[in-house]
Amino acid sequence: MSVQELSYTVSGMSCAHCTAAVTEEVEQVSGVSAVEVDLESKLVVVRGEGIADDAVREAIREAGYEAA
């Protein structure tokens, strides 16, 4: 299986705590090997194998944000 890269725009993030919360939740999703959060652009990039889009979106919701 090849490595996937999924990108999400996540509004509402404004500080390092926001970044940490999103990163922590998304890292727990099965198949995720890397999470990058750019606070300025509100972009979350997720890399890994066999990642379920719905699971990543749910993890972002668990952190208190919505993914577009």
Protein backbone atom coordinates (compact mmCIF):
# COMPACT_ATOMS: atom_id res chain seq x y z
CA MET A 1 0.00 0.00 0.00
CA SER A 2 1.28 3.46 -0.82
CA VAL A 3 1.56 6.40 1.53
CA GLN A 4 -1.45 8.70 1.51
CA GLU A 5 -1.44 12.43 2.12
CA LEU A 6 -4.71 14.02 3.21
CA SER A 7 -5.18 17.76 3.78
CA TYR A 8 -7.83 19.53 5.82
CA THR A 9 -8.61 23.16 6.52
CA VAL A 10 -9.44 23.45 10.22
CA SER A 11 -10.96 26.73 11.35
CA GLY A 12 -10.82 27.99 14.91
CA MET A 13 -7.25 27.02 15.76
CA SER A 14 -5.40 29.98 17.25
CA CYS A 15 -2.61 28.79 19.57
CA ALA A 16 -0.05 26.12 20.34
CA HIS A 17 -2.58 24.30 22.53
CA CYS A 18 -4.92 24.04 19.52
CA THR A 19 -2.12 22.59 17.43
CA ALA A 20 -1.22 20.07 20.14
CA ALA A 21 -4.84 19.01 20.66
CA VAL A 22 -5.43 18.35 16.96
CA THR A 23 -2.08 16.60 16.54
CA GLU A 24 -2.66 14.36 19.57
CA GLU A 25 -6.13 13.25 18.43
CA VAL A 26 -5.18 12.67 14.78
CA GLU A 27 -2.02 10.72 15.68
CA GLN A 28 -4.27 8.12 17.33
CA VAL A 29 -6.08 7.34 14.05
CA SER A 30 -5.17 3.95 12.61
CA GLY A 31 -2.59 4.18 9.81
CA VAL A 32 -1.44 7.73 10.58
CA SER A 33 2.34 8.08 10.62
CA ALA A 34 2.70 11.88 10.57
CA VAL A 35 0.61 14.97 11.32
CA GLU A 36 1.61 18.52 10.41
CA VAL A 37 -0.46 21.47 11.62
CA ASP A 38 0.16 24.94 10.18
CA LEU A 39 -1.53 27.37 12.54
CA GLU A 40 -1.21 30.36 10.22
CA SER A 41 -2.91 28.71 7.21
CA LYS A 42 -5.17 26.49 9.39
CA LEU A 43 -3.98 23.52 7.34
CA VAL A 44 -3.65 20.01 8.76
CA VAL A 45 -1.71 17.50 6.63
CA VAL A 46 -1.94 13.83 7.55
CA ARG A 47 0.34 11.11 6.14
CA GLY A 48 0.19 7.35 6.48
CA GLU A 49 -1.19 4.16 5.00
CA GLY A 50 -4.81 3.04 4.93
CA ILE A 51 -6.10 6.19 6.62
CA ALA A 52 -9.89 6.56 6.80
CA ASP A 53 -10.97 10.12 5.99
CA ASP A 54 -13.98 9.81 8.32
CA ALA A 55 -11.71 8.75 11.21
CA VAL A 56 -9.46 11.79 10.73
CA ARG A 57 -12.46 14.14 10.58
CA GLU A 58 -13.85 12.56 13.76
CA ALA A 59 -10.47 12.96 15.52
CA ILE A 60 -10.44 16.65 14.58
CA ARG A 61 -14.00 16.96 15.97
CA GLU A 62 -12.84 15.24 19.19
CA ALA A 63 -10.18 17.95 19.51
CA GLY A 64 -12.96 20.55 19.28
CA TYR A 65 -12.69 21.70 15.67
CA GLU A 66 -14.31 21.13 12.29
CA ALA A 67 -12.42 20.02 9.19
CA ALA A 68 -13.31 21.37 5.77
